[in-house]
Amino acid sequence: MPDRTHLRISNLEAYFADKNLSFEDLQGVADELFMRYFSTEAYDRAMAGGGYACESFVSGIPWSRASEDGTEPFTGDKTLANSILRMRDSMLHYEFQSAVADGDIGHAMNVMAVSIHEFY
């Protein structure tokens, strides 16, 4: 079974069965995961690469290619960065759909206000 990167364990069920976590503890884990994988800051970290990205992401073997024009090669992870943006945008879309389905126009307008800054 693969190692779970954030909690550094291999069995999630056993981890949560052995722990008596409060809602605040779970909220803290959720907030940390959000900032690591769903935020614009996470996108910036993935694009920056190097030591800045290694603080947040597990890295594999870097792909290197000789630069044709002699400039410094790109060290970020564009696929990870685009995946982070996709997850962020999908969550905004889901929140907007839920607000519309519930008839909560105020919430829908708040999500639209955030979306305007994210997409334009």
C-alpha atoms as a PDB file:
ATOM      1  CA  MET A   1       0.000   0.000   0.000  1.00  0.00           C
ATOM      2  CA  PRO A   2       1.413   3.455  -0.847  1.00  0.00           C
ATOM      3  CA  ASP A   3       2.612   5.767   1.891  1.00  0.00           C
ATOM      4  CA  ARG A   4       0.161   8.535   2.748  1.00  0.00           C
ATOM      5  CA  THR A   5       2.253  11.664   2.302  1.00  0.00           C
ATOM      6  CA  HIS A   6       0.615  14.051   4.732  1.00  0.00           C
ATOM      7  CA  LEU A   7       0.111  11.772   7.738  1.00  0.00           C
ATOM      8  CA  ARG A   8       3.143   9.574   6.922  1.00  0.00           C
ATOM      9  CA  ILE A   9       1.207   6.333   7.412  1.00  0.00           C
ATOM     10  CA  SER A  10       0.193   3.425   5.209  1.00  0.00           C
ATOM     11  CA  ASN A  11      -3.202   2.546   6.716  1.00  0.00           C
ATOM     12  CA  LEU A  12      -5.697   5.399   7.111  1.00  0.00           C
ATOM     13  CA  GLU A  13      -8.383   3.255   8.746  1.00  0.00           C
ATOM     14  CA  ALA A  14      -6.028   2.059  11.475  1.00  0.00           C
ATOM     15  CA  TYR A  15      -4.746   5.597  12.038  1.00  0.00           C
ATOM     16  CA  PHE A  16      -8.193   7.040  12.625  1.00  0.00           C
ATOM     17  CA  ALA A  17      -9.392   4.007  14.614  1.00  0.00           C
ATOM     18  CA  ASP A  18      -6.514   4.439  17.090  1.00  0.00           C
ATOM     19  CA  LYS A  19      -6.950   8.197  17.479  1.00  0.00           C
ATOM     20  CA  ASN A  20      -9.675  10.049  19.281  1.00  0.00           C
ATOM     21  CA  LEU A  21      -9.544  13.208  17.176  1.00  0.00           C
ATOM     22  CA  SER A  22     -11.695  16.230  17.868  1.00  0.00           C
ATOM     23  CA  PHE A  23     -13.439  18.198  15.157  1.00  0.00           C
ATOM     24  CA  GLU A  24     -10.830  20.940  15.572  1.00  0.00           C
ATOM     25  CA  ASP A  25      -8.030  18.421  14.928  1.00  0.00           C
ATOM     26  CA  LEU A  26      -9.721  17.208  11.737  1.00  0.00           C
ATOM     27  CA  GLN A  27     -10.375  20.800  10.672  1.00  0.00           C
ATOM     28  CA  GLY A  28      -6.684  21.557  11.163  1.00  0.00           C
ATOM     29  CA  VAL A  29      -5.689  18.628   8.919  1.00  0.00           C
ATOM     30  CA  ALA A  30      -8.244  19.730   6.311  1.00  0.00           C
ATOM     31  CA  ASP A  31      -6.947  23.323   6.384  1.00  0.00           C
ATOM     32  CA  GLU A  32      -3.369  22.142   5.965  1.00  0.00           C
ATOM     33  CA  LEU A  33      -4.299  19.884   3.036  1.00  0.00           C
ATOM     34  CA  PHE A  34      -6.255  22.718   1.432  1.00  0.00           C
ATOM     35  CA  MET A  35      -3.301  25.084   1.632  1.00  0.00           C
ATOM     36  CA  ARG A  36      -0.946  22.412   0.311  1.00  0.00           C
ATOM     37  CA  TYR A  37      -3.008  21.131  -2.655  1.00  0.00           C
ATOM     38  CA  PHE A  38      -5.928  23.493  -3.429  1.00  0.00           C
ATOM     39  CA  SER A  39      -4.627  27.053  -3.086  1.00  0.00           C
ATOM     40  CA  THR A  40      -3.077  29.516  -5.490  1.00  0.00           C
ATOM     41  CA  GLU A  41      -0.036  29.553  -3.197  1.00  0.00           C
ATOM     42  CA  ALA A  42       0.331  25.796  -3.810  1.00  0.00           C
ATOM     43  CA  TYR A  43       0.278  26.509  -7.559  1.00  0.00           C
ATOM     44  CA  ASP A  44       3.057  29.066  -7.118  1.00  0.00           C
ATOM     45  CA  ARG A  45       5.126  26.581  -5.087  1.00  0.00           C
ATOM     46  CA  ALA A  46       4.729  23.886  -7.737  1.00  0.00           C
ATOM     47  CA  MET A  47       5.740  26.272 -10.507  1.00  0.00           C
ATOM     48  CA  ALA A  48       8.750  27.579  -8.562  1.00  0.00           C
ATOM     49  CA  GLY A  49      10.241  24.149  -8.046  1.00  0.00           C
ATOM     50  CA  GLY A  50      13.495  23.676  -6.173  1.00  0.00           C
ATOM     51  CA  GLY A  51      13.680  23.794  -2.403  1.00  0.00           C
ATOM     52  CA  TYR A  52      10.517  25.886  -2.140  1.00  0.00           C
ATOM     53  CA  ALA A  53       8.445  23.078  -3.657  1.00  0.00           C
ATOM     54  CA  CYS A  54      10.237  20.295  -1.770  1.00  0.00           C
ATOM     55  CA  GLU A  55       8.911  21.736   1.505  1.00  0.00           C
ATOM     56  CA  SER A  56       5.351  20.881   0.434  1.00  0.00           C
ATOM     57  CA  PHE A  57       5.468  18.153  -2.179  1.00  0.00           C
ATOM     58  CA  VAL A  58       7.038  14.743  -2.418  1.00  0.00           C
ATOM     59  CA  SER A  59       9.361  14.835  -5.383  1.00  0.00           C
ATOM     60  CA  GLY A  60      10.340  12.079  -7.704  1.00  0.00           C
ATOM     61  CA  ILE A  61      13.234  11.969 -10.101  1.00  0.00           C
ATOM     62  CA  PRO A  62      13.470  15.309 -11.913  1.00  0.00           C
ATOM     63  CA  TRP A  63      13.278  15.338 -15.669  1.00  0.00           C
ATOM     64  CA  SER A  64      16.073  17.334 -17.183  1.00  0.00           C
ATOM     65  CA  ARG A  65      16.634  18.572 -20.671  1.00  0.00           C
ATOM     66  CA  ALA A  66      19.508  20.605 -21.933  1.00  0.00           C
ATOM     67  CA  SER A  67      18.396  24.135 -22.604  1.00  0.00           C
ATOM     68  CA  GLU A  68      18.754  25.002 -26.274  1.00  0.00           C
ATOM     69  CA  ASP A  69      19.337  28.691 -25.721  1.00  0.00           C
ATOM     70  CA  GLY A  70      21.637  28.359 -22.708  1.00  0.00           C
ATOM     71  CA  THR A  71      19.146  29.769 -20.186  1.00  0.00           C
ATOM     72  CA  GLU A  72      18.426  28.114 -16.866  1.00  0.00           C
ATOM     73  CA  PRO A  73      16.043  25.148 -17.349  1.00  0.00           C
ATOM     74  CA  PHE A  74      12.553  25.246 -15.835  1.00  0.00           C
ATOM     75  CA  THR A  75      12.636  23.453 -12.455  1.00  0.00           C
ATOM     76  CA  GLY A  76       8.954  23.556 -11.524  1.00  0.00           C
ATOM     77  CA  ASP A  77       6.295  20.904 -11.993  1.00  0.00           C
ATOM     78  CA  LYS A  78       3.792  22.267 -14.505  1.00  0.00           C
ATOM     79  CA  THR A  79       1.571  19.164 -14.412  1.00  0.00           C
ATOM     80  CA  LEU A  80       1.236  19.360 -10.625  1.00  0.00           C
ATOM     81  CA  ALA A  81       0.626  23.102 -10.798  1.00  0.00           C
ATOM     82  CA  ASN A  82      -2.136  22.695 -13.394  1.00  0.00           C
ATOM     83  CA  SER A  83      -3.689  19.870 -11.355  1.00  0.00           C
ATOM     84  CA  ILE A  84      -3.769  22.155  -8.305  1.00  0.00           C
ATOM     85  CA  LEU A  85      -5.546  24.869 -10.292  1.00  0.00           C
ATOM     86  CA  ARG A  86      -8.023  22.321 -11.649  1.00  0.00           C
ATOM     87  CA  MET A  87      -8.847  21.051  -8.154  1.00  0.00           C
ATOM     88  CA  ARG A  88      -9.229  24.621  -6.860  1.00  0.00           C
ATOM     89  CA  ASP A  89     -11.508  25.597  -9.735  1.00  0.00           C
ATOM     90  CA  SER A  90     -13.553  22.392  -9.421  1.00  0.00           C
ATOM     91  CA  MET A  91     -14.180  23.088  -5.738  1.00  0.00           C
ATOM     92  CA  LEU A  92     -15.313  26.633  -6.537  1.00  0.00           C
ATOM     93  CA  HIS A  93     -17.656  25.266  -9.203  1.00  0.00           C
ATOM     94  CA  TYR A  94     -19.029  22.646  -6.797  1.00  0.00           C
ATOM     95  CA  GLU A  95     -19.621  25.294  -4.126  1.00  0.00           C
ATOM     96  CA  PHE A  96     -21.413  27.495  -6.665  1.00  0.00           C
ATOM     97  CA  GLN A  97     -23.605  24.594  -7.848  1.00  0.00           C
ATOM     98  CA  SER A  98     -24.514  23.700  -4.268  1.00  0.00           C
ATOM     99  CA  ALA A  99     -25.458  27.292  -3.484  1.00  0.00           C
ATOM    100  CA  VAL A 100     -27.674  27.517  -6.583  1.00  0.00           C
ATOM    101  CA  ALA A 101     -29.306  24.147  -5.828  1.00  0.00           C
ATOM    102  CA  ASP A 102     -30.080  25.315  -2.275  1.00  0.00           C
ATOM    103  CA  GLY A 103     -31.446  28.618  -3.570  1.00  0.00           C
ATOM    104  CA  ASP A 104     -28.857  30.555  -1.557  1.00  0.00           C
ATOM    105  CA  ILE A 105     -28.306  33.464  -3.926  1.00  0.00           C
ATOM    106  CA  GLY A 106     -26.115  35.345  -1.428  1.00  0.00           C
ATOM    107  CA  HIS A 107     -23.686  32.444  -1.220  1.00  0.00           C
ATOM    108  CA  ALA A 108     -23.757  32.032  -5.007  1.00  0.00           C
ATOM    109  CA  MET A 109     -22.927  35.732  -5.456  1.00  0.00           C
ATOM    110  CA  ASN A 110     -20.018  35.425  -2.981  1.00  0.00           C
ATOM    111  CA  VAL A 111     -18.593  32.478  -4.944  1.00  0.00           C
ATOM    112  CA  MET A 112     -19.018  34.432  -8.186  1.00  0.00           C
ATOM    113  CA  ALA A 113     -17.108  37.354  -6.662  1.00  0.00           C
ATOM    114  CA  VAL A 114     -14.181  35.045  -5.858  1.00  0.00           C
ATOM    115  CA  SER A 115     -14.396  33.363  -9.267  1.00  0.00           C
ATOM    116  CA  ILE A 116     -14.144  36.682 -11.079  1.00  0.00           C
ATOM    117  CA  HIS A 117     -10.713  37.266  -9.527  1.00  0.00           C
ATOM    118  CA  GLU A 118      -9.564  33.688 -10.141  1.00  0.00           C
ATOM    119  CA  PHE A 119     -10.564  33.415 -13.812  1.00  0.00           C
ATOM    120  CA  TYR A 120      -9.940  36.928 -15.129  1.00  0.00           C
END
